Amino acid sequence: MRTKPSLTGADAQKMMAACKAEAQKNKWNVSIAILDDTGTLLMFERLDGAGPATVEVAQGKAVASVMTRRPSKFMEDRLKDRPGFLKFPAGLPIQGAVPVMYQGECVGAIGVSGVQSHEDEQIATAGANALS
């Protein structure tokens, strides 16, 4: 049987700290969702000033990323040519989430919402890079 890496609570805390540092450095009020490889929420934080809708959006973006094993922007781009992908049950297809990769395996995803989509992705990427 093969052994697969998985995120720990300590990993989630490390990634959340990196996400928060990136957001605070830029004075961005966001919500941050960290999911495991099954799409289950491991850690969540809504920074002061983040709007209420950001809670669901951050989690939806992260689900899209973990289910496709790609940044959520992948699904957003696919919809332009193939609108049928909107029916795909994989979260919210909007830029702002990235998969967390470890030893070639997708072990989770980080989704962010609250600022421009590319800035959300910048925060998520900072968190994912904290594990490398």
N, C-alpha and C. Protein backbone atom coordinates (compact mmCIF):
# COMPACT_ATOMS: atom_id res chain seq x y z
N MET A 1 0.85 -1.18 0.00
CA MET A 1 0.00 0.00 0.00
C MET A 1 0.89 1.24 0.00
N ARG A 2 0.45 2.24 -0.66
CA ARG A 2 1.21 3.47 -0.80
C ARG A 2 0.89 4.41 0.36
N THR A 3 1.87 5.18 0.75
CA THR A 3 1.68 6.18 1.80
C THR A 3 1.54 7.55 1.15
N LYS A 4 0.54 8.29 1.59
CA LYS A 4 0.27 9.61 1.01
C LYS A 4 0.47 10.68 2.08
N PRO A 5 1.17 11.77 1.72
CA PRO A 5 1.34 12.86 2.70
C PRO A 5 0.01 13.57 2.96
N SER A 6 -0.12 14.13 4.14
CA SER A 6 -1.33 14.89 4.46
C SER A 6 -0.95 16.09 5.32
N LEU A 7 -1.81 17.09 5.29
CA LEU A 7 -1.58 18.30 6.08
C LEU A 7 -1.82 18.02 7.57
N THR A 8 -1.03 18.67 8.40
CA THR A 8 -1.21 18.59 9.84
C THR A 8 -1.75 19.93 10.33
N GLY A 9 -2.16 19.96 11.57
CA GLY A 9 -2.59 21.21 12.17
C GLY A 9 -1.47 22.24 12.17
N ALA A 10 -0.26 21.78 12.42
CA ALA A 10 0.89 22.69 12.42
C ALA A 10 1.12 23.26 11.02
N ASP A 11 0.93 22.44 9.98
CA ASP A 11 1.07 22.92 8.60
C ASP A 11 0.04 24.03 8.34
N ALA A 12 -1.21 23.78 8.74
CA ALA A 12 -2.27 24.76 8.51
C ALA A 12 -1.96 26.07 9.24
N GLN A 13 -1.45 25.98 10.45
CA GLN A 13 -1.11 27.19 11.21
C GLN A 13 0.01 27.96 10.52
N LYS A 14 1.00 27.24 10.01
CA LYS A 14 2.12 27.88 9.31
C LYS A 14 1.64 28.59 8.04
N MET A 15 0.77 27.93 7.29
CA MET A 15 0.24 28.53 6.07
C MET A 15 -0.66 29.72 6.38
N MET A 16 -1.48 29.60 7.42
CA MET A 16 -2.35 30.70 7.80
C MET A 16 -1.53 31.92 8.22
N ALA A 17 -0.46 31.69 8.96
CA ALA A 17 0.40 32.81 9.39
C ALA A 17 1.00 33.52 8.19
N ALA A 18 1.41 32.75 7.18
CA ALA A 18 1.99 33.36 5.97
C ALA A 18 0.94 34.13 5.19
N CYS A 19 -0.26 33.58 5.09
CA CYS A 19 -1.36 34.28 4.40
C CYS A 19 -1.69 35.59 5.12
N LYS A 20 -1.82 35.52 6.42
CA LYS A 20 -2.15 36.72 7.19
C LYS A 20 -1.06 37.77 7.07
N ALA A 21 0.20 37.35 7.10
CA ALA A 21 1.31 38.30 6.98
C ALA A 21 1.25 39.02 5.63
N GLU A 22 0.96 38.27 4.56
CA GLU A 22 0.86 38.88 3.22
C GLU A 22 -0.31 39.85 3.16
N ALA A 23 -1.44 39.45 3.71
CA ALA A 23 -2.62 40.32 3.70
C ALA A 23 -2.39 41.58 4.54
N GLN A 24 -1.83 41.42 5.71
CA GLN A 24 -1.60 42.57 6.59
C GLN A 24 -0.54 43.51 6.04
N LYS A 25 0.48 42.95 5.41
CA LYS A 25 1.53 43.77 4.78
C LYS A 25 0.92 44.73 3.76
N ASN A 26 -0.11 44.25 3.06
CA ASN A 26 -0.76 45.05 2.01
C ASN A 26 -2.03 45.75 2.49
N LYS A 27 -2.35 45.59 3.78
CA LYS A 27 -3.56 46.20 4.35
C LYS A 27 -4.82 45.72 3.64
N TRP A 28 -4.88 44.40 3.39
CA TRP A 28 -6.02 43.78 2.72
C TRP A 28 -6.87 43.04 3.75
N ASN A 29 -8.15 43.33 3.79
CA ASN A 29 -9.09 42.67 4.70
C ASN A 29 -9.73 41.51 3.95
N VAL A 30 -9.35 40.30 4.32
CA VAL A 30 -9.80 39.12 3.58
C VAL A 30 -10.22 38.00 4.52
N SER A 31 -10.86 37.02 3.93
CA SER A 31 -11.12 35.74 4.60
C SER A 31 -10.22 34.70 3.96
N ILE A 32 -9.72 33.78 4.78
CA ILE A 32 -8.77 32.77 4.32
C ILE A 32 -9.27 31.39 4.75
N ALA A 33 -9.38 30.48 3.79
CA ALA A 33 -9.82 29.11 4.07
C ALA A 33 -8.73 28.13 3.66
N ILE A 34 -8.40 27.22 4.56
CA ILE A 34 -7.42 26.17 4.27
C ILE A 34 -8.16 24.83 4.36
N LEU A 35 -8.11 24.06 3.26
CA LEU A 35 -8.80 22.78 3.17
C LEU A 35 -7.79 21.65 3.03
N ASP A 36 -8.19 20.45 3.44
CA ASP A 36 -7.35 19.28 3.20
C ASP A 36 -7.67 18.74 1.79
N ASP A 37 -7.07 17.61 1.45
CA ASP A 37 -7.21 17.09 0.09
C ASP A 37 -8.61 16.58 -0.23
N THR A 38 -9.48 16.44 0.76
CA THR A 38 -10.85 16.00 0.51
C THR A 38 -11.81 17.18 0.40
N GLY A 39 -11.30 18.40 0.61
CA GLY A 39 -12.14 19.58 0.58
C GLY A 39 -12.73 19.92 1.93
N THR A 40 -12.24 19.26 2.98
CA THR A 40 -12.71 19.52 4.34
C THR A 40 -11.95 20.70 4.93
N LEU A 41 -12.68 21.61 5.55
CA LEU A 41 -12.08 22.81 6.14
C LEU A 41 -11.19 22.43 7.33
N LEU A 42 -9.93 22.84 7.26
CA LEU A 42 -8.98 22.63 8.36
C LEU A 42 -8.84 23.87 9.23
N MET A 43 -8.83 25.03 8.57
CA MET A 43 -8.64 26.28 9.29
C MET A 43 -9.27 27.41 8.49
N PHE A 44 -9.83 28.36 9.23
CA PHE A 44 -10.47 29.49 8.58
C PHE A 44 -10.26 30.73 9.44
N GLU A 45 -10.04 31.87 8.77
CA GLU A 45 -9.99 33.12 9.50
C GLU A 45 -10.54 34.25 8.63
N ARG A 46 -11.40 35.04 9.25
CA ARG A 46 -11.93 36.25 8.61
C ARG A 46 -11.27 37.43 9.31
N LEU A 47 -10.39 38.11 8.58
CA LEU A 47 -9.66 39.23 9.16
C LEU A 47 -10.62 40.40 9.40
N ASP A 48 -10.28 41.23 10.35
CA ASP A 48 -11.10 42.40 10.66
C ASP A 48 -11.36 43.20 9.39
N GLY A 49 -12.61 43.56 9.18
CA GLY A 49 -12.97 44.37 8.03
C GLY A 49 -13.35 43.59 6.79
N ALA A 50 -13.15 42.28 6.78
CA ALA A 50 -13.53 41.47 5.61
C ALA A 50 -15.05 41.34 5.58
N GLY A 51 -15.62 41.47 4.41
CA GLY A 51 -17.07 41.42 4.27
C GLY A 51 -17.64 40.03 4.54
N PRO A 52 -18.93 39.97 4.87
CA PRO A 52 -19.54 38.69 5.19
C PRO A 52 -19.56 37.69 4.03
N ALA A 53 -19.69 38.16 2.80
CA ALA A 53 -19.71 37.25 1.65
C ALA A 53 -18.37 36.56 1.43
N THR A 54 -17.30 37.16 1.93
CA THR A 54 -15.96 36.59 1.73
C THR A 54 -15.81 35.22 2.38
N VAL A 55 -16.61 34.94 3.39
CA VAL A 55 -16.54 33.66 4.09
C VAL A 55 -16.85 32.52 3.12
N GLU A 56 -17.99 32.59 2.47
CA GLU A 56 -18.40 31.54 1.53
C GLU A 56 -17.54 31.53 0.28
N VAL A 57 -17.16 32.70 -0.18
CA VAL A 57 -16.39 32.79 -1.42
C VAL A 57 -15.01 32.16 -1.24
N ALA A 58 -14.33 32.45 -0.14
CA ALA A 58 -13.00 31.88 0.11
C ALA A 58 -13.06 30.36 0.14
N GLN A 59 -14.07 29.83 0.80
CA GLN A 59 -14.21 28.37 0.88
C GLN A 59 -14.55 27.78 -0.48
N GLY A 60 -15.43 28.44 -1.23
CA GLY A 60 -15.79 27.95 -2.56
C GLY A 60 -14.62 27.93 -3.52
N LYS A 61 -13.80 28.98 -3.47
CA LYS A 61 -12.60 29.02 -4.32
C LYS A 61 -11.66 27.87 -3.96
N ALA A 62 -11.48 27.63 -2.66
CA ALA A 62 -10.58 26.56 -2.22
C ALA A 62 -11.09 25.19 -2.67
N VAL A 63 -12.39 24.98 -2.62
CA VAL A 63 -12.96 23.71 -3.09
C VAL A 63 -12.67 23.53 -4.58
N ALA A 64 -12.85 24.58 -5.37
CA ALA A 64 -12.55 24.49 -6.80
C ALA A 64 -11.10 24.10 -7.03
N SER A 65 -10.21 24.65 -6.24
CA SER A 65 -8.79 24.36 -6.40
C SER A 65 -8.44 22.93 -5.98
N VAL A 66 -8.94 22.49 -4.85
CA VAL A 66 -8.58 21.15 -4.38
C VAL A 66 -9.20 20.06 -5.26
N MET A 67 -10.39 20.29 -5.77
CA MET A 67 -11.05 19.28 -6.60
C MET A 67 -10.42 19.15 -7.98
N THR A 68 -9.86 20.23 -8.49
CA THR A 68 -9.22 20.18 -9.81
C THR A 68 -7.71 20.02 -9.70
N ARG A 69 -7.19 20.19 -8.47
CA ARG A 69 -5.73 20.11 -8.23
C ARG A 69 -4.98 21.19 -9.00
N ARG A 70 -5.66 22.32 -9.22
CA ARG A 70 -5.10 23.45 -9.96
C ARG A 70 -5.57 24.75 -9.31
N PRO A 71 -4.93 25.86 -9.64
CA PRO A 71 -5.46 27.15 -9.16
C PRO A 71 -6.90 27.33 -9.63
N SER A 72 -7.72 27.98 -8.83
CA SER A 72 -9.13 28.16 -9.20
C SER A 72 -9.29 28.95 -10.49
N LYS A 73 -8.29 29.72 -10.85
CA LYS A 73 -8.33 30.47 -12.12
C LYS A 73 -8.44 29.52 -13.31
N PHE A 74 -7.96 28.30 -13.18
CA PHE A 74 -8.06 27.31 -14.25
C PHE A 74 -9.51 27.12 -14.66
N MET A 75 -10.39 26.93 -13.67
CA MET A 75 -11.81 26.73 -13.98
C MET A 75 -12.44 28.02 -14.51
N GLU A 76 -12.03 29.15 -13.96
CA GLU A 76 -12.54 30.43 -14.46
C GLU A 76 -12.22 30.58 -15.95
N ASP A 77 -10.99 30.26 -16.32
CA ASP A 77 -10.57 30.35 -17.73
C ASP A 77 -11.30 29.32 -18.60
N ARG A 78 -11.52 28.11 -18.08
CA ARG A 78 -12.20 27.06 -18.84
C ARG A 78 -13.63 27.47 -19.18
N LEU A 79 -14.27 28.21 -18.28
CA LEU A 79 -15.66 28.61 -18.50
C LEU A 79 -15.84 29.53 -19.69
N LYS A 80 -14.79 30.26 -20.02
CA LYS A 80 -14.88 31.19 -21.16
C LYS A 80 -15.14 30.42 -22.46
N ASP A 81 -14.48 29.27 -22.61
CA ASP A 81 -14.62 28.47 -23.82
C ASP A 81 -15.68 27.37 -23.68
N ARG A 82 -15.88 26.92 -22.46
CA ARG A 82 -16.78 25.79 -22.21
C ARG A 82 -17.70 26.09 -21.03
N PRO A 83 -18.75 26.88 -21.24
CA PRO A 83 -19.63 27.27 -20.14
C PRO A 83 -20.29 26.09 -19.44
N GLY A 84 -20.30 24.94 -20.06
CA GLY A 84 -20.85 23.74 -19.43
C GLY A 84 -20.12 23.37 -18.15
N PHE A 85 -18.86 23.82 -18.02
CA PHE A 85 -18.09 23.54 -16.80
C PHE A 85 -18.70 24.19 -15.56
N LEU A 86 -19.61 25.14 -15.76
CA LEU A 86 -20.27 25.77 -14.62
C LEU A 86 -21.08 24.74 -13.82
N LYS A 87 -21.51 23.69 -14.49
CA LYS A 87 -22.27 22.62 -13.83
C LYS A 87 -21.35 21.67 -13.06
N PHE A 88 -20.05 21.75 -13.28
CA PHE A 88 -19.09 20.88 -12.61
C PHE A 88 -19.14 21.15 -11.11
N PRO A 89 -19.37 20.13 -10.30
CA PRO A 89 -19.54 20.36 -8.85
C PRO A 89 -18.21 20.55 -8.13
N ALA A 90 -17.53 21.60 -8.47
CA ALA A 90 -16.21 21.80 -7.88
C ALA A 90 -16.03 23.21 -7.35
N GLY A 91 -16.90 23.63 -6.49
CA GLY A 91 -16.70 24.92 -5.84
C GLY A 91 -17.00 26.11 -6.71
N LEU A 92 -16.30 27.18 -6.43
CA LEU A 92 -16.52 28.46 -7.08
C LEU A 92 -15.38 28.75 -8.05
N PRO A 93 -15.65 28.76 -9.35
CA PRO A 93 -14.60 28.92 -10.35
C PRO A 93 -14.17 30.38 -10.55
N ILE A 94 -13.56 30.94 -9.52
CA ILE A 94 -13.08 32.31 -9.56
C ILE A 94 -11.64 32.33 -9.04
N GLN A 95 -10.78 33.08 -9.69
CA GLN A 95 -9.38 33.19 -9.26
C GLN A 95 -9.31 33.61 -7.79
N GLY A 96 -8.36 33.00 -7.06
CA GLY A 96 -8.14 33.38 -5.68
C GLY A 96 -7.81 32.20 -4.77
N ALA A 97 -7.60 31.03 -5.37
CA ALA A 97 -7.23 29.85 -4.60
C ALA A 97 -6.14 29.08 -5.33
N VAL A 98 -5.31 28.39 -4.56
CA VAL A 98 -4.25 27.56 -5.13
C VAL A 98 -4.21 26.22 -4.39
N PRO A 99 -3.82 25.16 -5.11
CA PRO A 99 -3.66 23.88 -4.42
C PRO A 99 -2.38 23.92 -3.59
N VAL A 100 -2.35 23.12 -2.55
CA VAL A 100 -1.14 22.97 -1.74
C VAL A 100 -0.52 21.65 -2.17
N MET A 101 0.66 21.73 -2.75
CA MET A 101 1.35 20.55 -3.26
C MET A 101 2.51 20.19 -2.35
N TYR A 102 2.68 18.89 -2.12
CA TYR A 102 3.80 18.40 -1.32
C TYR A 102 4.24 17.06 -1.89
N GLN A 103 5.50 16.96 -2.26
CA GLN A 103 6.06 15.76 -2.86
C GLN A 103 5.23 15.26 -4.05
N GLY A 104 4.80 16.20 -4.87
CA GLY A 104 4.04 15.87 -6.06
C GLY A 104 2.58 15.51 -5.82
N GLU A 105 2.12 15.61 -4.60
CA GLU A 105 0.74 15.28 -4.25
C GLU A 105 -0.01 16.54 -3.85
N CYS A 106 -1.28 16.61 -4.22
CA CYS A 106 -2.13 17.70 -3.74
C CYS A 106 -2.62 17.30 -2.36
N VAL A 107 -2.23 18.07 -1.36
CA VAL A 107 -2.60 17.75 0.02
C VAL A 107 -3.67 18.71 0.57
N GLY A 108 -4.09 19.66 -0.26
CA GLY A 108 -5.11 20.61 0.17
C GLY A 108 -5.14 21.81 -0.74
N ALA A 109 -5.79 22.88 -0.25
CA ALA A 109 -5.88 24.12 -1.01
C ALA A 109 -6.12 25.28 -0.06
N ILE A 110 -5.76 26.46 -0.54
CA ILE A 110 -6.00 27.70 0.21
C ILE A 110 -6.82 28.61 -0.68
N GLY A 111 -7.94 29.09 -0.15
CA GLY A 111 -8.78 30.03 -0.86
C GLY A 111 -8.88 31.34 -0.09
N VAL A 112 -8.88 32.45 -0.82
CA VAL A 112 -8.91 33.78 -0.21
C VAL A 112 -9.94 34.63 -0.93
N SER A 113 -10.62 35.48 -0.18
CA SER A 113 -11.58 36.40 -0.77
C SER A 113 -11.59 37.71 0.01
N GLY A 114 -11.71 38.81 -0.73
CA GLY A 114 -11.83 40.11 -0.07
C GLY A 114 -11.24 41.26 -0.84
N VAL A 115 -10.29 40.96 -1.73
CA VAL A 115 -9.69 42.01 -2.56
C VAL A 115 -9.82 41.57 -4.02
N GLN A 116 -9.06 42.18 -4.92
CA GLN A 116 -9.09 41.75 -6.32
C GLN A 116 -8.65 40.29 -6.40
N SER A 117 -9.20 39.56 -7.36
CA SER A 117 -8.93 38.12 -7.46
C SER A 117 -7.44 37.80 -7.55
N HIS A 118 -6.68 38.58 -8.31
CA HIS A 118 -5.24 38.29 -8.42
C HIS A 118 -4.53 38.56 -7.09
N GLU A 119 -5.06 39.49 -6.30
CA GLU A 119 -4.49 39.74 -4.97
C GLU A 119 -4.86 38.63 -4.00
N ASP A 120 -6.10 38.13 -4.10
CA ASP A 120 -6.49 36.96 -3.31
C ASP A 120 -5.53 35.80 -3.59
N GLU A 121 -5.25 35.57 -4.87
CA GLU A 121 -4.34 34.48 -5.24
C GLU A 121 -2.93 34.73 -4.71
N GLN A 122 -2.51 35.98 -4.69
CA GLN A 122 -1.18 36.33 -4.16
C GLN A 122 -1.08 35.92 -2.68
N ILE A 123 -2.13 36.16 -1.93
CA ILE A 123 -2.16 35.78 -0.51
C ILE A 123 -2.14 34.26 -0.38
N ALA A 124 -2.98 33.58 -1.15
CA ALA A 124 -3.04 32.12 -1.09
C ALA A 124 -1.70 31.49 -1.45
N THR A 125 -1.04 32.06 -2.46
CA THR A 125 0.26 31.54 -2.89
C THR A 125 1.30 31.72 -1.78
N ALA A 126 1.26 32.83 -1.07
CA ALA A 126 2.20 33.03 0.04
C ALA A 126 2.01 31.94 1.08
N GLY A 127 0.77 31.57 1.34
CA GLY A 127 0.51 30.49 2.31
C GLY A 127 1.00 29.14 1.81
N ALA A 128 0.72 28.82 0.56
CA ALA A 128 1.16 27.54 0.01
C ALA A 128 2.68 27.44 -0.03
N ASN A 129 3.33 28.56 -0.31
CA ASN A 129 4.80 28.57 -0.36
C ASN A 129 5.43 28.40 1.01
N ALA A 130 4.67 28.61 2.06
CA ALA A 130 5.21 28.48 3.41
C ALA A 130 5.60 27.04 3.73
N LEU A 131 5.07 26.09 2.99
CA LEU A 131 5.43 24.69 3.23
C LEU A 131 6.66 24.24 2.47
N SER A 132 7.11 25.04 1.47
CA SER A 132 8.26 24.59 0.69
C SER A 132 9.57 24.85 1.38
